[in-house]
Protein backbone atom coordinates (compact mmCIF):
# COMPACT_ATOMS: atom_id res chain seq x y z
CA UNK A 1 13.09 -7.37 9.48
CA UNK A 2 13.78 -4.86 12.26
CA UNK A 3 11.80 -2.21 10.38
CA UNK A 4 8.67 -4.36 10.72
CA UNK A 5 9.15 -4.72 14.46
CA UNK A 6 9.71 -0.97 14.80
CA UNK A 7 6.57 -0.30 12.75
CA UNK A 8 4.52 -2.66 14.93
CA UNK A 9 6.00 -1.26 18.16
CA UNK A 10 4.78 2.19 17.07
CA UNK A 11 1.26 0.74 16.84
CA UNK A 12 1.26 -1.26 20.05
CA UNK A 13 3.93 -3.06 22.10
CA UNK A 14 4.60 -6.68 21.12
CA UNK A 15 6.39 -8.97 23.57
CA UNK A 16 9.36 -11.06 22.44
CA UNK A 17 7.44 -14.35 22.37
CA UNK A 18 4.69 -12.87 20.16
CA UNK A 19 7.32 -11.27 17.91
CA UNK A 20 9.18 -14.58 17.56
CA UNK A 21 5.97 -16.38 16.60
CA UNK A 22 4.92 -13.65 14.13
CA UNK A 23 8.36 -13.23 12.56
CA UNK A 24 8.70 -17.01 12.09
CA UNK A 25 5.77 -16.77 9.65
CA UNK A 26 7.34 -14.02 7.49
CA UNK A 27 9.03 -14.70 4.17
CA UNK A 28 11.27 -12.27 2.31
CA UNK A 29 10.37 -11.73 -1.35
CA UNK A 30 12.48 -9.72 -3.81
CA UNK A 31 10.69 -8.41 -6.90
CA UNK A 32 11.67 -6.51 -10.02
CA UNK A 33 10.04 -3.29 -11.17
CA UNK A 34 6.57 -3.75 -12.78
CA UNK A 35 5.93 -7.13 -11.15
CA UNK A 36 2.23 -7.85 -10.44
CA UNK A 37 1.42 -8.56 -6.80
CA UNK A 38 -2.29 -9.07 -7.41
CA UNK A 39 -4.33 -9.27 -10.62
CA UNK A 40 -8.04 -8.77 -11.23
CA UNK A 41 -9.87 -12.01 -10.44
CA UNK A 42 -7.18 -13.36 -8.12
CA UNK A 43 -7.78 -13.82 -4.40
CA UNK A 44 -5.33 -11.98 -2.15
CA UNK A 45 -3.51 -14.60 -0.13
CA UNK A 46 -0.99 -12.48 1.74
CA UNK A 47 -0.27 -9.35 3.67
CA UNK A 48 3.11 -7.79 2.88
CA UNK A 49 5.36 -5.21 4.49
CA UNK A 50 7.34 -3.07 2.05
CA UNK A 51 10.95 -3.09 3.20
CA UNK A 52 12.09 -1.34 0.01
CA UNK A 53 10.21 -0.02 -3.00
CA UNK A 54 6.96 1.51 -4.22
CA UNK A 55 3.73 -0.20 -5.31
CA UNK A 56 0.60 1.11 -6.96
CA UNK A 57 -3.06 0.09 -6.92
CA UNK A 58 -4.96 0.46 -10.18
CA UNK A 59 -7.79 -0.62 -12.42
CA UNK A 60 -6.43 -1.41 -15.89
CA UNK A 61 -8.14 0.30 -18.83
CA UNK A 62 -7.45 0.08 -22.56
CA UNK A 63 -6.28 3.67 -22.89
CA UNK A 64 -5.28 4.83 -19.41
CA UNK A 65 -5.11 2.85 -16.16
CA UNK A 66 -7.00 4.31 -13.21
CA UNK A 67 -4.44 4.57 -10.43
CA UNK A 68 -5.99 4.95 -6.99
CA UNK A 69 -3.18 4.33 -4.55
CA UNK A 70 0.53 4.23 -3.86
CA UNK A 71 2.33 2.60 -0.96
CA UNK A 72 5.94 3.10 0.03
CA UNK A 73 8.67 1.70 2.23
CA UNK A 74 7.66 0.84 5.80
CA UNK A 75 4.00 0.36 4.94
CA UNK A 76 1.85 -2.74 4.66
CA UNK A 77 0.36 -3.64 1.28
CA UNK A 78 -2.47 -6.01 0.44
CA UNK A 79 -5.66 -6.14 -1.58
CA UNK A 80 -7.37 -5.75 1.78
CA UNK A 81 -10.98 -6.34 0.73
CA UNK A 82 -10.01 -9.48 -1.19
CA UNK A 83 -7.75 -10.55 1.70
CA UNK A 84 -10.48 -10.15 4.32
CA UNK A 85 -13.28 -11.81 2.37
CA UNK A 86 -11.06 -14.20 0.36
CA UNK A 87 -12.91 -13.16 -2.80
CA UNK A 88 -11.55 -12.19 -6.24
CA UNK A 89 -9.95 -8.77 -6.51
CA UNK A 90 -11.51 -6.06 -8.66
CA UNK A 91 -8.19 -4.22 -9.10
CA UNK A 92 -4.49 -4.87 -9.52
CA UNK A 93 -1.36 -4.14 -7.51
CA UNK A 94 2.12 -3.92 -9.03
CA UNK A 95 5.62 -2.82 -8.08
CA UNK A 96 6.81 0.49 -9.55
CA UNK A 97 10.41 -0.06 -8.48
CA UNK A 98 12.55 -3.02 -7.50
CA UNK A 99 10.90 -4.06 -4.25
CA UNK A 100 11.62 -6.15 -1.16
CA UNK A 101 8.61 -7.44 0.77
CA UNK A 102 8.15 -9.45 3.95
CA UNK A 103 4.98 -11.50 3.47
CA UNK A 104 2.66 -13.49 5.69
CA UNK A 105 -0.11 -15.71 4.36
CA UNK A 106 -3.77 -15.25 5.25
CA UNK A 107 -3.73 -18.60 7.04
CA UNK A 108 -0.61 -17.75 9.05
CA UNK A 109 -1.95 -14.31 9.99
CA UNK A 110 -5.12 -15.93 11.35
CA UNK A 111 -2.89 -18.18 13.43
CA UNK A 112 -1.00 -15.13 14.76
CA UNK A 113 -4.33 -13.54 15.71
CA UNK A 114 -5.40 -16.71 17.56
CA UNK A 115 -2.08 -17.56 19.22
CA UNK A 116 -0.61 -14.25 20.39
CA UNK A 117 -1.59 -11.68 22.99
CA UNK A 118 -1.03 -8.66 20.76
CA UNK A 119 -1.99 -9.97 17.30
CA UNK A 120 -5.65 -8.93 17.39
CA UNK A 121 -4.84 -5.49 18.74
CA UNK A 122 -2.23 -4.87 16.05
CA UNK A 123 -4.59 -6.17 13.35
CA UNK A 124 -7.39 -3.91 14.54
CA UNK A 125 -5.16 -0.84 14.70
CA UNK A 126 -3.75 -1.53 11.25
CA UNK A 127 -7.29 -1.92 9.85
CA UNK A 128 -8.25 1.38 11.49
CA UNK A 129 -5.22 3.03 9.91
CA UNK A 130 -6.15 1.67 6.47
CA UNK A 131 -9.66 3.05 6.95
CA UNK A 132 -8.28 6.49 7.84
CA UNK A 133 -6.05 6.52 4.74
CA UNK A 134 -9.00 5.53 2.55
CA UNK A 135 -11.25 8.17 4.12
CA UNK A 136 -8.61 10.86 3.64
CA UNK A 137 -8.29 9.89 -0.03
CA UNK A 138 -12.07 9.97 -0.59
CA UNK A 139 -12.43 13.35 1.12
CA UNK A 140 -9.55 14.70 -0.93
CA UNK A 141 -11.26 13.63 -4.17
CA UNK A 142 -14.50 15.28 -3.06
CA UNK A 143 -13.21 18.50 -1.55
CA UNK A 144 -9.85 19.42 -3.08
CA UNK A 145 -8.71 20.57 -6.47
CA UNK A 146 -6.33 18.47 -8.54
CA UNK A 147 -3.58 20.97 -7.73
CA UNK A 148 -4.22 20.62 -3.99
CA UNK A 149 -4.21 16.81 -4.29
CA UNK A 150 -0.89 16.99 -6.16
CA UNK A 151 0.63 19.30 -3.54
CA UNK A 152 -0.55 16.99 -0.74
CA UNK A 153 0.96 13.96 -2.44
CA UNK A 154 4.18 15.80 -3.21
CA UNK A 155 4.56 17.20 0.32
CA UNK A 156 4.03 13.74 1.86
CA UNK A 157 6.77 11.97 -0.14
CA UNK A 158 8.70 14.34 -2.46
CA UNK A 159 11.77 12.15 -2.90
CA UNK A 160 9.79 9.02 -3.67
CA UNK A 161 7.42 10.67 -6.12
CA UNK A 162 10.33 11.34 -8.43
CA UNK A 163 10.38 7.57 -9.02
CA UNK A 164 6.71 7.38 -10.07
CA UNK A 165 5.86 7.99 -13.74
CA UNK A 166 3.85 11.19 -14.21
CA UNK A 167 1.05 9.32 -16.01
CA UNK A 168 0.34 7.39 -12.78
CA UNK A 169 0.44 10.54 -10.65
CA UNK A 170 -1.94 12.25 -13.09
CA UNK A 171 -4.36 9.33 -12.91
CA UNK A 172 -4.13 9.29 -9.10
CA UNK A 173 -5.08 12.96 -8.76
CA UNK A 174 -7.77 12.61 -11.44
CA UNK A 175 -6.34 14.60 -14.37
CA UNK A 176 -4.71 13.96 -17.72
CA UNK A 177 -0.90 13.99 -17.99
CA UNK A 178 -1.20 17.27 -19.92
CA UNK A 179 -3.22 18.87 -17.12
CA UNK A 180 -0.63 17.65 -14.60
CA UNK A 181 2.11 19.28 -16.67
CA UNK A 182 0.20 22.58 -16.50
CA UNK A 183 -0.22 22.21 -12.72
CA UNK A 184 3.50 21.51 -12.31
CA UNK A 185 4.40 24.57 -14.44
CA UNK A 186 2.12 26.80 -12.34
CA UNK A 187 3.63 25.56 -9.10
CA UNK A 188 7.28 25.97 -10.09
């Protein structure tokens, strides 16, 4: 649980009383590889911190899923639009590896926002960070080649990407697995 406090402290300081209240709401969840966290049509009920593991965001398709995001250790994961609006999700989230999460329910997070001095500030800064990640991804899709997107992804997390199946990486950068193989051959 210390990794969550360190993550939050990097965003904004949180006093001990606020931390005690927040951490009392967290539950540890251990999941196996390929476990769904959120399915299409479900309402996101929790915000989770990834203590260990990798998750992916995707839209399932008959032939090839459309992967649009990966999150790794020491990052928060949620179907954020569904979580905020408490409406059904239009995509799915699943674990790609065995995963350990620390979760807080929507209801409990609202209580943290209302009852602590730093909760709203942390929530706002985390929302801003999610927006920046989403904007970077959108700009990348509009302005970079598939090879550049692959290199960006690989330079950000080279050791973790070895754990992600190539078909998901190909979908994420917007190419077929065969095209990704050609890109990888050119690079090496």
